[in-house]
Amino acid sequence: MLTSTDRHLPVHAPATNGRTTDKIHIKATAEAATKKNMFTTTMDIRKIAATMYGVRTGMERTQAEREDLLQATTKKEMTIIEQKTEGKAGRQLNEDGITADDNFVAVVDGSTSKTELKVNPEMSNGRYCMLAIIKAIKKMPRDICMERFCEKVTEEIRSIYNAHAVDIQKLNDVPTNRMTASAIVFSLSRKEIWMVGDCQCLVDGKLYENPKPGEKEIAAQRALIIRNSLKEGMSEAEMRRNDIGRKAILPTLKKACLEQNKLYPVIDGFNIPTHLVKVIPIDDKTHEIVLASDGYPKLMPTLNESEAELQRLLEEDPLCIYENIATKGLNEGQTSFDDRSYIRFRI
């Protein structure tokens, strides 16, 4: 929005003709405005340039002209510093994903399947769900609220069930058969972070987590089983090939799924209890934010630090039964115990 610093706008620009003139005028206006933090939208810049230089706007322009000017004048309100997503078993099997644009930054973590049933035969339910959610986020209105966001992603997953003629009643009765994912989303318009399910973030170094209820206790059961087996002579290599601890807790993990979207929120095509979604308000000051999946056991301020800490844990505790107690470990042929995603940005 134009402020009392209007007088600092440029009063002269290079004299050329046609589209080139317009683009230079717009760009000069944008650069000056950016230095003074005067504008929040591209449209503001266009309007002022039109007033000062007689630059054409709106339907007077061709589509090509509008696209050129949009590219020239867009003021970045978020700066992506670094990001990474990596699957524990390769890119094509990665159930994590990242999306970032001028409206939203999000990390989506598809849940590890606990059933052989696949909605899409070509990929796991977790990956299919992640891809569908990212697609939905890219179509979201800029100013959508958290409650409506939850409705829209639920509708997206439900439409996939319908398209594949999946029995909704069976999914209602057996939640492990659902496409399920967690997501952490930053809305620039709302200045909020939404934590739907098991995810984590840093805001100016302060850690926020949202673990599933009871998962810590289930992971401890697996750790105890594996530690006892190691004492009885089973080797670490054998355990990485055949995680008997994971197999032992699988029925408990499946039972815990009966509570999803009852005791804790997830995105699975069924109603999300929005009162369980953790919302972190962000004020208008400058902030550095990290969004991540739970594939980073210890979230650090930078990607290199987070990766270094993960690698240390994988070397010292590959079975995830001592320092990094988890419901699964580093299996043979994998690069980590879980898929992981990390994105750091500044607003």
Protein backbone atom coordinates (compact mmCIF):
# COMPACT_ATOMS: atom_id res chain seq x y z
CA MET A 1 0.00 0.00 0.00
CA LEU A 2 1.21 3.50 -0.85
CA THR A 3 2.49 5.36 2.21
CA SER A 4 3.59 8.88 3.14
CA THR A 5 6.98 8.14 1.55
CA ASP A 6 5.51 8.67 -1.95
CA ARG A 7 7.88 11.56 -2.51
CA HIS A 8 10.78 9.09 -2.62
CA LEU A 9 9.51 7.47 -5.80
CA PRO A 10 11.64 8.15 -8.92
CA VAL A 11 10.55 11.20 -10.87
CA HIS A 12 12.51 10.41 -14.03
CA ALA A 13 13.18 7.27 -16.03
CA PRO A 14 14.96 6.53 -19.29
CA ALA A 15 13.06 7.85 -22.29
CA THR A 16 12.26 5.05 -24.71
CA ASN A 17 9.08 3.96 -26.44
CA GLY A 18 6.34 1.30 -26.27
CA ARG A 19 6.52 -1.82 -24.13
CA THR A 20 10.20 -1.21 -23.35
CA THR A 21 9.37 2.18 -21.84
CA ASP A 22 6.56 0.71 -19.74
CA LYS A 23 8.76 -2.10 -18.45
CA ILE A 24 11.57 0.30 -17.50
CA HIS A 25 9.16 2.64 -15.75
CA ILE A 26 7.52 -0.23 -13.87
CA LYS A 27 10.86 -1.76 -12.94
CA ALA A 28 12.23 1.58 -11.73
CA THR A 29 9.12 2.08 -9.64
CA ALA A 30 9.38 -1.43 -8.22
CA GLU A 31 13.04 -1.05 -7.30
CA ALA A 32 12.49 2.25 -5.52
CA ALA A 33 9.43 0.95 -3.74
CA THR A 34 11.22 -2.20 -2.64
CA LYS A 35 14.01 -0.15 -1.08
CA LYS A 36 11.43 1.82 0.91
CA ASN A 37 9.26 -1.22 1.71
CA MET A 38 6.33 0.71 0.32
CA PHE A 39 4.38 -1.94 -1.53
CA THR A 40 2.88 -5.28 -0.65
CA THR A 41 1.49 -6.25 -4.06
CA THR A 42 2.44 -6.04 -7.70
CA MET A 43 -0.82 -4.21 -8.43
CA ASP A 44 0.25 -1.32 -6.15
CA ILE A 45 3.42 -0.90 -8.16
CA ARG A 46 1.55 -0.99 -11.45
CA LYS A 47 -0.94 1.65 -10.32
CA ILE A 48 1.74 4.10 -9.17
CA ALA A 49 3.79 3.61 -12.32
CA ALA A 50 0.66 4.18 -14.39
CA THR A 51 -0.03 7.45 -12.53
CA MET A 52 3.53 8.74 -12.80
CA TYR A 53 4.50 7.57 -16.26
CA GLY A 54 1.23 6.89 -18.07
CA VAL A 55 1.97 3.17 -18.15
CA ARG A 56 -0.94 1.12 -19.45
CA THR A 57 -2.54 -1.36 -17.06
CA GLY A 58 -5.25 -3.99 -16.94
CA MET A 59 -7.05 -5.03 -20.12
CA GLU A 60 -5.27 -2.33 -22.17
CA ARG A 61 -2.32 -4.69 -22.30
CA THR A 62 -1.87 -7.89 -24.22
CA GLN A 63 -1.45 -11.07 -22.18
CA ALA A 64 2.24 -11.18 -23.11
CA GLU A 65 2.73 -7.62 -21.85
CA ARG A 66 0.99 -8.37 -18.57
CA GLU A 67 3.12 -11.47 -18.00
CA ASP A 68 6.32 -9.56 -18.79
CA LEU A 69 5.44 -6.78 -16.37
CA LEU A 70 4.39 -9.17 -13.66
CA GLN A 71 7.78 -10.86 -13.92
CA ALA A 72 9.55 -7.48 -13.83
CA THR A 73 7.67 -6.03 -10.88
CA THR A 74 6.84 -8.83 -8.46
CA LYS A 75 8.24 -7.97 -5.05
CA LYS A 76 9.42 -11.04 -3.20
CA GLU A 77 7.90 -11.16 0.23
CA MET A 78 9.49 -14.49 1.12
CA THR A 79 13.06 -15.50 0.48
CA ILE A 80 13.77 -19.21 0.25
CA ILE A 81 17.20 -19.77 1.75
CA GLU A 82 17.62 -23.53 1.34
CA GLN A 83 15.60 -26.69 0.96
CA LYS A 84 15.94 -30.42 0.57
CA THR A 85 13.73 -33.47 0.29
CA GLU A 86 15.15 -36.99 0.15
CA GLY A 87 13.54 -40.40 0.31
CA LYS A 88 15.01 -43.07 2.52
CA ALA A 89 14.78 -45.50 -0.41
CA GLY A 90 15.20 -43.15 -3.37
CA ARG A 91 13.46 -40.28 -5.10
CA GLN A 92 10.68 -42.27 -6.76
CA LEU A 93 9.63 -43.79 -3.43
CA ASN A 94 9.87 -40.56 -1.44
CA GLU A 95 6.64 -39.92 0.51
CA ASP A 96 7.79 -36.44 1.58
CA GLY A 97 7.37 -33.32 -0.52
CA ILE A 98 7.87 -29.54 -0.47
CA THR A 99 5.98 -26.74 -2.18
CA ALA A 100 6.76 -23.02 -2.04
CA ASP A 101 5.31 -20.06 -3.92
CA ASP A 102 4.28 -16.45 -3.23
CA ASN A 103 1.39 -17.57 -1.03
CA PHE A 104 2.37 -20.73 0.85
CA VAL A 105 5.36 -22.73 1.98
CA ALA A 106 4.59 -26.31 2.98
CA VAL A 107 6.17 -29.63 3.86
CA VAL A 108 3.97 -32.67 3.37
CA ASP A 109 4.83 -36.04 4.92
CA GLY A 110 2.95 -39.03 3.54
CA SER A 111 2.45 -41.71 6.16
CA THR A 112 4.27 -45.02 5.82
CA SER A 113 1.75 -47.60 4.65
CA LYS A 114 0.72 -50.26 7.13
CA THR A 115 -1.29 -52.24 4.60
CA GLU A 116 -0.73 -53.81 1.18
CA LEU A 117 -3.81 -52.06 -0.24
CA LYS A 118 -2.97 -49.29 -2.73
CA VAL A 119 -5.44 -46.73 -4.03
CA ASN A 120 -3.08 -46.17 -6.98
CA PRO A 121 -1.27 -49.40 -7.95
CA GLU A 122 1.71 -47.39 -9.24
CA MET A 123 2.74 -45.88 -5.89
CA SER A 124 2.33 -46.10 -2.13
CA ASN A 125 -0.66 -44.47 -0.48
CA GLY A 126 1.64 -42.10 1.37
CA ARG A 127 3.30 -40.82 -1.80
CA TYR A 128 -0.01 -40.55 -3.66
CA CYS A 129 -1.50 -38.58 -0.77
CA MET A 130 1.51 -36.25 -0.57
CA LEU A 131 1.39 -35.46 -4.28
CA ALA A 132 -2.35 -34.79 -4.14
CA ILE A 133 -1.98 -32.40 -1.18
CA ILE A 134 0.82 -30.44 -2.87
CA LYS A 135 -1.35 -30.14 -5.98
CA ALA A 136 -4.22 -28.86 -3.83
CA ILE A 137 -2.03 -26.30 -2.03
CA LYS A 138 -0.91 -24.83 -5.34
CA LYS A 139 -4.56 -24.11 -6.18
CA MET A 140 -5.49 -22.62 -2.80
CA PRO A 141 -6.74 -19.02 -2.63
CA ARG A 142 -4.08 -16.75 -1.16
CA ASP A 143 -6.17 -15.68 1.83
CA ILE A 144 -7.71 -19.04 2.71
CA CYS A 145 -8.12 -19.68 6.43
CA MET A 146 -6.89 -22.78 8.24
CA GLU A 147 -10.38 -24.25 8.61
CA ARG A 148 -11.17 -23.89 4.92
CA PHE A 149 -7.72 -25.21 4.02
CA CYS A 150 -8.50 -28.39 5.95
CA GLU A 151 -11.81 -28.71 4.14
CA LYS A 152 -10.19 -28.27 0.72
CA VAL A 153 -7.43 -30.84 1.19
CA THR A 154 -9.98 -33.28 2.62
CA GLU A 155 -12.14 -32.76 -0.47
CA GLU A 156 -9.10 -33.38 -2.69
CA ILE A 157 -8.34 -36.76 -1.11
CA ARG A 158 -12.02 -37.75 -1.02
CA SER A 159 -12.29 -37.00 -4.75
CA ILE A 160 -9.43 -39.43 -5.39
CA TYR A 161 -11.24 -42.17 -3.44
CA ASN A 162 -14.33 -41.53 -5.54
CA ALA A 163 -12.36 -41.53 -8.79
CA HIS A 164 -10.87 -44.94 -7.90
CA ALA A 165 -14.23 -46.29 -6.69
CA VAL A 166 -12.84 -46.97 -3.22
CA ASP A 167 -15.37 -48.22 -0.65
CA ILE A 168 -15.68 -45.24 1.74
CA GLN A 169 -17.35 -47.32 4.45
CA LYS A 170 -14.40 -49.71 4.50
CA LEU A 171 -12.02 -46.79 4.80
CA ASN A 172 -14.11 -45.47 7.66
CA ASP A 173 -13.88 -48.83 9.43
CA VAL A 174 -10.21 -49.51 8.59
CA PRO A 175 -8.20 -46.24 8.68
CA THR A 176 -4.94 -48.01 7.79
CA ASN A 177 -6.29 -48.39 4.25
CA ARG A 178 -6.62 -44.62 3.81
CA MET A 179 -4.20 -42.33 2.00
CA THR A 180 -2.77 -40.40 4.93
CA ALA A 181 -0.34 -37.54 5.38
CA SER A 182 0.73 -34.81 7.78
CA ALA A 183 1.44 -31.27 6.61
CA ILE A 184 2.94 -28.10 7.99
CA VAL A 185 1.95 -24.98 6.08
CA PHE A 186 2.96 -21.33 6.31
CA SER A 187 0.39 -18.88 4.94
CA LEU A 188 1.91 -15.53 4.00
CA SER A 189 -1.47 -13.82 3.81
CA ARG A 190 -2.63 -15.11 7.20
CA LYS A 191 0.83 -14.91 8.80
CA GLU A 192 0.26 -18.31 10.39
CA ILE A 193 1.85 -21.75 10.50
CA TRP A 194 -0.62 -24.66 10.48
CA MET A 195 0.52 -28.00 11.89
CA VAL A 196 -1.74 -30.79 10.69
CA GLY A 197 -0.31 -33.98 12.14
CA ASP A 198 3.23 -35.04 12.98
CA CYS A 199 5.60 -32.27 11.85
CA GLN A 200 7.96 -29.65 13.25
CA CYS A 201 9.29 -26.16 12.72
CA LEU A 202 11.66 -23.49 13.99
CA VAL A 203 10.63 -19.85 14.27
CA ASP A 204 13.68 -17.70 14.95
CA GLY A 205 15.30 -20.74 16.53
CA LYS A 206 12.36 -21.74 18.74
CA LEU A 207 11.26 -25.34 18.21
CA TYR A 208 7.61 -26.33 17.76
CA GLU A 209 6.63 -30.00 17.55
CA ASN A 210 3.38 -31.87 17.07
CA PRO A 211 4.00 -35.61 17.70
CA LYS A 212 1.32 -38.25 17.49
CA PRO A 213 -0.07 -39.26 20.89
CA GLY A 214 1.35 -42.55 22.12
CA GLU A 215 3.99 -42.93 19.41
CA LYS A 216 6.85 -42.35 21.84
CA GLU A 217 5.65 -45.26 23.98
CA ILE A 218 5.23 -47.54 20.96
CA ALA A 219 8.75 -46.69 19.78
CA ALA A 220 10.07 -47.55 23.25
CA GLN A 221 8.46 -51.02 22.98
CA ARG A 222 10.25 -51.63 19.67
CA ALA A 223 13.56 -50.46 21.14
CA LEU A 224 13.24 -52.81 24.11
CA ILE A 225 12.48 -55.80 21.86
CA ILE A 226 15.49 -55.12 19.65
CA ARG A 227 17.88 -54.48 22.54
CA ASN A 228 16.86 -57.79 24.11
CA SER A 229 17.34 -59.61 20.79
CA LEU A 230 20.82 -58.12 20.42
CA LYS A 231 21.69 -59.34 23.92
CA GLU A 232 20.53 -62.81 22.91
CA GLY A 233 22.96 -62.86 19.98
CA MET A 234 21.13 -61.37 17.01
CA SER A 235 23.47 -59.11 15.02
CA GLU A 236 22.83 -55.52 13.99
CA ALA A 237 23.15 -56.52 10.33
CA GLU A 238 20.46 -59.18 10.76
CA MET A 239 18.20 -56.66 12.45
CA ARG A 240 18.61 -54.20 9.59
CA ARG A 241 17.50 -56.94 7.20
CA ASN A 242 14.67 -58.13 9.41
CA ASP A 243 13.33 -55.56 11.88
CA ILE A 244 11.55 -57.87 14.30
CA GLY A 245 10.83 -54.91 16.58
CA ARG A 246 8.89 -53.15 13.83
CA LYS A 247 6.93 -56.31 13.10
CA ALA A 248 6.11 -56.70 16.78
CA ILE A 249 4.67 -53.20 17.15
CA LEU A 250 2.83 -53.14 13.82
CA PRO A 251 -0.51 -54.29 15.32
CA THR A 252 -0.26 -51.50 17.90
CA LEU A 253 0.53 -48.95 15.19
CA LYS A 254 -2.50 -50.09 13.22
CA LYS A 255 -4.71 -49.84 16.29
CA ALA A 256 -3.45 -46.31 16.91
CA CYS A 257 -4.68 -45.34 13.43
CA LEU A 258 -8.23 -45.78 14.70
CA GLU A 259 -7.73 -42.49 16.56
CA GLN A 260 -6.63 -40.41 13.57
CA ASN A 261 -8.87 -37.40 13.13
CA LYS A 262 -10.29 -38.18 16.54
CA LEU A 263 -7.40 -37.68 18.96
CA TYR A 264 -4.99 -36.15 16.47
CA PRO A 265 -5.37 -34.53 13.04
CA VAL A 266 -4.15 -35.88 9.71
CA ILE A 267 -5.11 -35.41 6.08
CA ASP A 268 -6.83 -38.60 4.96
CA GLY A 269 -10.04 -37.65 3.16
CA PHE A 270 -12.09 -37.63 6.35
CA ASN A 271 -13.15 -34.64 8.45
CA ILE A 272 -10.22 -32.95 10.21
CA PRO A 273 -11.04 -31.72 13.73
CA THR A 274 -9.61 -28.24 13.29
CA HIS A 275 -9.53 -27.56 17.03
CA LEU A 276 -6.67 -30.10 17.14
CA VAL A 277 -4.66 -28.30 14.46
CA LYS A 278 -1.83 -26.34 16.07
CA VAL A 279 -1.68 -22.76 14.77
CA ILE A 280 1.40 -20.58 15.30
CA PRO A 281 0.79 -16.85 14.70
CA ILE A 282 3.60 -14.86 13.09
CA ASP A 283 3.81 -11.08 13.53
CA ASP A 284 4.85 -8.54 10.88
CA LYS A 285 8.50 -8.39 11.91
CA THR A 286 11.30 -10.11 9.99
CA HIS A 287 11.53 -13.81 10.85
CA GLU A 288 13.52 -16.85 9.80
CA ILE A 289 11.43 -20.01 9.66
CA VAL A 290 12.24 -23.68 9.13
CA LEU A 291 9.54 -26.22 8.25
CA ALA A 292 10.44 -29.91 8.34
CA SER A 293 9.12 -33.44 8.46
CA ASP A 294 9.95 -35.77 11.33
CA GLY A 295 12.72 -37.34 9.26
CA TYR A 296 15.07 -34.97 11.07
CA PRO A 297 15.29 -36.27 14.67
CA LYS A 298 16.88 -33.01 15.81
CA LEU A 299 15.89 -29.93 13.86
CA MET A 300 18.69 -27.37 13.61
CA PRO A 301 18.80 -23.75 12.37
CA THR A 302 20.49 -24.72 9.07
CA LEU A 303 20.19 -27.61 6.65
CA ASN A 304 23.87 -28.54 7.00
CA GLU A 305 23.56 -28.72 10.79
CA SER A 306 20.38 -30.79 10.58
CA GLU A 307 21.99 -33.18 8.08
CA ALA A 308 25.14 -33.49 10.19
CA GLU A 309 23.12 -34.34 13.28
CA LEU A 310 21.08 -36.91 11.34
CA GLN A 311 24.23 -38.55 9.97
CA ARG A 312 25.73 -38.70 13.45
CA LEU A 313 22.65 -40.48 14.76
CA LEU A 314 22.57 -42.90 11.83
CA GLU A 315 26.19 -43.83 12.50
CA GLU A 316 25.86 -44.13 16.27
CA ASP A 317 22.32 -45.51 16.49
CA PRO A 318 21.31 -47.00 13.11
CA LEU A 319 18.61 -49.20 14.63
CA CYS A 320 17.04 -46.18 16.35
CA ILE A 321 16.87 -47.84 19.76
CA TYR A 322 19.12 -45.71 21.97
CA GLU A 323 19.39 -41.97 21.41
CA ASN A 324 16.98 -41.70 18.48
CA ILE A 325 14.23 -44.07 19.61
CA ALA A 326 11.78 -44.49 16.72
CA THR A 327 9.17 -46.87 15.34
CA LYS A 328 11.55 -47.86 12.52
CA GLY A 329 15.28 -47.93 11.94
CA LEU A 330 17.84 -47.74 9.15
CA ASN A 331 17.05 -50.79 7.04
CA GLU A 332 19.46 -52.44 4.65
CA GLY A 333 19.68 -50.58 1.35
CA GLN A 334 18.26 -47.33 2.74
CA THR A 335 19.95 -44.00 3.38
CA SER A 336 18.00 -43.09 6.52
CA PHE A 337 15.34 -44.36 8.89
CA ASP A 338 12.69 -42.13 7.28
CA ASP A 339 12.06 -39.79 4.36
CA ARG A 340 13.02 -36.21 5.20
CA SER A 341 12.23 -32.69 4.06
CA TYR A 342 13.57 -29.31 5.17
CA ILE A 343 12.95 -25.78 3.95
CA ARG A 344 14.30 -22.55 5.47
CA PHE A 345 13.01 -19.14 4.45
CA ARG A 346 12.88 -15.53 5.58
CA ILE A 347 9.85 -13.23 5.68
